[in-house]
């Protein structure tokens, strides 16, 4: 009986230790406001260069890639609505540079993960202007309901 109680207590302690580690990891994975501000500033600077018709240097391209990677990594952990403007700016920057596939990825990320933000209609408009067909999820679910009946 003592072995059963000890085994139960050890199992409980192990589970609670893992639960606290998972919570701490999730909390630590959230981007600090400074990092978000830095990414926003980087995208803004690159956008200014594109508007000025300046060529982006290899370092600038590397910065843009790093911002996109950071955004994608954060989305794997937690989809924070504060990332929507960064995705929109990155998508717009890619679109202006004729990097359409990357732009589509950014705009679709907004539609899939931040559909309730003010940037979702802008992302939808940007995709349509690029010739991308967008199916309205509400209409799809209504059609499926009619087919099931």
C-alpha atoms as a PDB file:
ATOM      1  CA  UNK A   1       0.000   0.000   0.000  1.00  0.00           C
ATOM      2  CA  UNK A   2       2.852   2.365   0.850  1.00  0.00           C
ATOM      3  CA  UNK A   3       4.426   1.654  -2.539  1.00  0.00           C
ATOM      4  CA  UNK A   4       1.190   2.575  -4.284  1.00  0.00           C
ATOM      5  CA  UNK A   5       0.902   5.849  -2.373  1.00  0.00           C
ATOM      6  CA  UNK A   6       4.563   6.728  -2.978  1.00  0.00           C
ATOM      7  CA  UNK A   7       4.248   5.836  -6.665  1.00  0.00           C
ATOM      8  CA  UNK A   8       1.115   7.989  -6.963  1.00  0.00           C
ATOM      9  CA  UNK A   9       2.835  10.942  -5.275  1.00  0.00           C
ATOM     10  CA  UNK A  10       5.898  10.616  -7.510  1.00  0.00           C
ATOM     11  CA  UNK A  11       3.690  10.488 -10.609  1.00  0.00           C
ATOM     12  CA  UNK A  12       1.734  13.527  -9.417  1.00  0.00           C
ATOM     13  CA  UNK A  13       4.938  15.497  -8.794  1.00  0.00           C
ATOM     14  CA  UNK A  14       6.315  14.551 -12.210  1.00  0.00           C
ATOM     15  CA  UNK A  15       3.120  15.618 -13.976  1.00  0.00           C
ATOM     16  CA  UNK A  16       2.953  18.906 -12.078  1.00  0.00           C
ATOM     17  CA  UNK A  17       6.623  19.627 -12.849  1.00  0.00           C
ATOM     18  CA  UNK A  18       6.001  19.103 -16.573  1.00  0.00           C
ATOM     19  CA  UNK A  19       2.869  21.252 -16.445  1.00  0.00           C
ATOM     20  CA  UNK A  20       4.777  24.138 -14.871  1.00  0.00           C
ATOM     21  CA  UNK A  21       7.589  23.749 -17.412  1.00  0.00           C
ATOM     22  CA  UNK A  22       5.103  23.887 -20.298  1.00  0.00           C
ATOM     23  CA  UNK A  23       3.457  27.003 -18.859  1.00  0.00           C
ATOM     24  CA  UNK A  24       6.822  28.688 -18.309  1.00  0.00           C
ATOM     25  CA  UNK A  25       7.950  27.759 -21.823  1.00  0.00           C
ATOM     26  CA  UNK A  26       4.766  29.164 -23.343  1.00  0.00           C
ATOM     27  CA  UNK A  27       5.170  32.375 -21.381  1.00  0.00           C
ATOM     28  CA  UNK A  28       8.844  32.649 -22.364  1.00  0.00           C
ATOM     29  CA  UNK A  29       8.084  32.028 -26.048  1.00  0.00           C
ATOM     30  CA  UNK A  30       5.869  35.097 -26.342  1.00  0.00           C
ATOM     31  CA  UNK A  31       7.733  37.855 -28.109  1.00  0.00           C
ATOM     32  CA  UNK A  32       8.803  40.750 -25.977  1.00  0.00           C
ATOM     33  CA  UNK A  33       7.394  44.128 -27.005  1.00  0.00           C
ATOM     34  CA  UNK A  34      10.937  45.266 -27.803  1.00  0.00           C
ATOM     35  CA  UNK A  35      11.356  42.447 -30.333  1.00  0.00           C
ATOM     36  CA  UNK A  36       8.019  43.261 -31.954  1.00  0.00           C
ATOM     37  CA  UNK A  37       8.953  46.944 -32.130  1.00  0.00           C
ATOM     38  CA  UNK A  38      12.332  46.058 -33.647  1.00  0.00           C
ATOM     39  CA  UNK A  39      10.695  43.908 -36.337  1.00  0.00           C
ATOM     40  CA  UNK A  40       8.193  46.669 -37.090  1.00  0.00           C
ATOM     41  CA  UNK A  41      10.981  49.236 -37.382  1.00  0.00           C
ATOM     42  CA  UNK A  42      12.945  46.955 -39.722  1.00  0.00           C
ATOM     43  CA  UNK A  43       9.946  46.468 -41.995  1.00  0.00           C
ATOM     44  CA  UNK A  44       9.204  50.204 -41.960  1.00  0.00           C
ATOM     45  CA  UNK A  45      12.789  51.032 -42.958  1.00  0.00           C
ATOM     46  CA  UNK A  46      12.727  48.496 -45.787  1.00  0.00           C
ATOM     47  CA  UNK A  47       9.377  49.850 -46.980  1.00  0.00           C
ATOM     48  CA  UNK A  48      10.817  53.370 -47.081  1.00  0.00           C
ATOM     49  CA  UNK A  49      13.667  52.120 -49.259  1.00  0.00           C
ATOM     50  CA  UNK A  50      11.250  50.471 -51.670  1.00  0.00           C
ATOM     51  CA  UNK A  51       9.120  53.620 -51.847  1.00  0.00           C
ATOM     52  CA  UNK A  52      12.272  55.613 -52.600  1.00  0.00           C
ATOM     53  CA  UNK A  53      13.001  53.152 -55.426  1.00  0.00           C
ATOM     54  CA  UNK A  54      16.244  52.210 -53.745  1.00  0.00           C
ATOM     55  CA  UNK A  55      17.587  48.744 -54.240  1.00  0.00           C
ATOM     56  CA  UNK A  56      17.645  46.570 -51.176  1.00  0.00           C
ATOM     57  CA  UNK A  57      21.097  45.408 -50.253  1.00  0.00           C
ATOM     58  CA  UNK A  58      21.808  41.765 -49.428  1.00  0.00           C
ATOM     59  CA  UNK A  59      21.803  42.807 -45.766  1.00  0.00           C
ATOM     60  CA  UNK A  60      18.336  44.313 -46.206  1.00  0.00           C
ATOM     61  CA  UNK A  61      17.089  41.124 -47.828  1.00  0.00           C
ATOM     62  CA  UNK A  62      18.563  39.160 -44.930  1.00  0.00           C
ATOM     63  CA  UNK A  63      16.753  41.407 -42.435  1.00  0.00           C
ATOM     64  CA  UNK A  64      13.452  40.855 -44.235  1.00  0.00           C
ATOM     65  CA  UNK A  65      14.001  37.107 -44.196  1.00  0.00           C
ATOM     66  CA  UNK A  66      14.859  37.210 -40.483  1.00  0.00           C
ATOM     67  CA  UNK A  67      11.677  39.141 -39.688  1.00  0.00           C
ATOM     68  CA  UNK A  68       9.565  36.639 -41.640  1.00  0.00           C
ATOM     69  CA  UNK A  69      11.242  33.705 -39.873  1.00  0.00           C
ATOM     70  CA  UNK A  70      10.657  35.294 -36.452  1.00  0.00           C
ATOM     71  CA  UNK A  71       7.003  35.888 -37.305  1.00  0.00           C
ATOM     72  CA  UNK A  72       6.525  32.322 -38.527  1.00  0.00           C
ATOM     73  CA  UNK A  73       8.251  30.890 -35.453  1.00  0.00           C
ATOM     74  CA  UNK A  74       6.042  32.948 -33.172  1.00  0.00           C
ATOM     75  CA  UNK A  75       2.935  31.736 -35.015  1.00  0.00           C
ATOM     76  CA  UNK A  76       3.971  28.157 -34.259  1.00  0.00           C
ATOM     77  CA  UNK A  77       3.930  28.931 -30.543  1.00  0.00           C
ATOM     78  CA  UNK A  78       1.099  31.411 -30.138  1.00  0.00           C
ATOM     79  CA  UNK A  79      -0.926  33.451 -32.597  1.00  0.00           C
ATOM     80  CA  UNK A  80      -0.883  36.922 -31.108  1.00  0.00           C
ATOM     81  CA  UNK A  81      -3.116  39.514 -32.849  1.00  0.00           C
ATOM     82  CA  UNK A  82      -0.326  42.073 -32.492  1.00  0.00           C
ATOM     83  CA  UNK A  83       1.523  40.128 -35.216  1.00  0.00           C
ATOM     84  CA  UNK A  84      -1.150  40.905 -37.829  1.00  0.00           C
ATOM     85  CA  UNK A  85       0.218  44.377 -38.701  1.00  0.00           C
ATOM     86  CA  UNK A  86       3.714  42.940 -39.086  1.00  0.00           C
ATOM     87  CA  UNK A  87       2.449  40.229 -41.425  1.00  0.00           C
ATOM     88  CA  UNK A  88       0.514  42.828 -43.410  1.00  0.00           C
ATOM     89  CA  UNK A  89       3.515  45.140 -43.733  1.00  0.00           C
ATOM     90  CA  UNK A  90       5.770  42.239 -44.728  1.00  0.00           C
ATOM     91  CA  UNK A  91       3.213  41.029 -47.274  1.00  0.00           C
ATOM     92  CA  UNK A  92       2.859  44.508 -48.730  1.00  0.00           C
ATOM     93  CA  UNK A  93       6.635  44.854 -48.946  1.00  0.00           C
ATOM     94  CA  UNK A  94       6.905  41.496 -50.713  1.00  0.00           C
ATOM     95  CA  UNK A  95       4.107  42.516 -53.080  1.00  0.00           C
ATOM     96  CA  UNK A  96       5.856  45.784 -53.969  1.00  0.00           C
ATOM     97  CA  UNK A  97       9.016  43.818 -54.767  1.00  0.00           C
ATOM     98  CA  UNK A  98       7.091  41.356 -56.985  1.00  0.00           C
ATOM     99  CA  UNK A  99       7.778  38.483 -54.595  1.00  0.00           C
ATOM    100  CA  UNK A 100       4.209  37.328 -54.964  1.00  0.00           C
ATOM    101  CA  UNK A 101       4.401  33.898 -53.324  1.00  0.00           C
ATOM    102  CA  UNK A 102       5.840  35.364 -50.124  1.00  0.00           C
ATOM    103  CA  UNK A 103       3.218  38.132 -50.205  1.00  0.00           C
ATOM    104  CA  UNK A 104       0.436  35.567 -50.628  1.00  0.00           C
ATOM    105  CA  UNK A 105       1.800  33.606 -47.653  1.00  0.00           C
ATOM    106  CA  UNK A 106       1.743  36.704 -45.436  1.00  0.00           C
ATOM    107  CA  UNK A 107      -1.750  37.794 -46.484  1.00  0.00           C
ATOM    108  CA  UNK A 108      -3.162  34.274 -46.135  1.00  0.00           C
ATOM    109  CA  UNK A 109      -1.656  33.994 -42.663  1.00  0.00           C
ATOM    110  CA  UNK A 110      -3.681  37.060 -41.712  1.00  0.00           C
ATOM    111  CA  UNK A 111      -6.889  35.581 -43.137  1.00  0.00           C
ATOM    112  CA  UNK A 112      -6.340  32.218 -41.461  1.00  0.00           C
ATOM    113  CA  UNK A 113      -5.163  33.380 -38.045  1.00  0.00           C
ATOM    114  CA  UNK A 114      -6.367  36.960 -37.628  1.00  0.00           C
ATOM    115  CA  UNK A 115      -9.690  36.959 -39.478  1.00  0.00           C
ATOM    116  CA  UNK A 116     -11.316  39.096 -36.788  1.00  0.00           C
ATOM    117  CA  UNK A 117      -8.796  41.949 -37.074  1.00  0.00           C
ATOM    118  CA  UNK A 118      -9.182  45.093 -39.156  1.00  0.00           C
ATOM    119  CA  UNK A 119      -6.382  43.924 -41.446  1.00  0.00           C
ATOM    120  CA  UNK A 120      -8.247  40.842 -42.690  1.00  0.00           C
ATOM    121  CA  UNK A 121     -10.328  42.792 -45.256  1.00  0.00           C
ATOM    122  CA  UNK A 122      -7.184  44.587 -46.436  1.00  0.00           C
ATOM    123  CA  UNK A 123      -5.368  41.270 -46.809  1.00  0.00           C
ATOM    124  CA  UNK A 124      -8.341  39.848 -48.720  1.00  0.00           C
ATOM    125  CA  UNK A 125      -8.321  42.884 -51.052  1.00  0.00           C
ATOM    126  CA  UNK A 126      -4.575  42.568 -51.594  1.00  0.00           C
ATOM    127  CA  UNK A 127      -4.936  38.890 -52.486  1.00  0.00           C
ATOM    128  CA  UNK A 128      -7.770  39.612 -54.903  1.00  0.00           C
ATOM    129  CA  UNK A 129      -5.723  42.360 -56.556  1.00  0.00           C
ATOM    130  CA  UNK A 130      -3.007  39.750 -57.085  1.00  0.00           C
ATOM    131  CA  UNK A 131      -5.516  37.474 -58.819  1.00  0.00           C
ATOM    132  CA  UNK A 132      -5.853  34.997 -55.948  1.00  0.00           C
ATOM    133  CA  UNK A 133      -9.288  33.411 -55.591  1.00  0.00           C
ATOM    134  CA  UNK A 134     -10.501  33.550 -52.003  1.00  0.00           C
ATOM    135  CA  UNK A 135     -13.371  31.416 -50.793  1.00  0.00           C
ATOM    136  CA  UNK A 136     -15.452  32.904 -48.021  1.00  0.00           C
ATOM    137  CA  UNK A 137     -15.460  30.373 -45.134  1.00  0.00           C
ATOM    138  CA  UNK A 138     -19.041  31.270 -44.170  1.00  0.00           C
ATOM    139  CA  UNK A 139     -20.331  30.520 -47.662  1.00  0.00           C
ATOM    140  CA  UNK A 140     -18.442  27.241 -47.756  1.00  0.00           C
ATOM    141  CA  UNK A 141     -19.982  26.064 -44.501  1.00  0.00           C
ATOM    142  CA  UNK A 142     -23.488  27.044 -45.670  1.00  0.00           C
ATOM    143  CA  UNK A 143     -23.007  25.130 -48.923  1.00  0.00           C
ATOM    144  CA  UNK A 144     -21.810  22.105 -46.990  1.00  0.00           C
ATOM    145  CA  UNK A 145     -24.900  22.293 -44.765  1.00  0.00           C
ATOM    146  CA  UNK A 146     -27.168  22.332 -47.838  1.00  0.00           C
ATOM    147  CA  UNK A 147     -25.335  19.350 -49.331  1.00  0.00           C
ATOM    148  CA  UNK A 148     -25.725  17.357 -46.108  1.00  0.00           C
ATOM    149  CA  UNK A 149     -29.503  17.891 -46.093  1.00  0.00           C
END
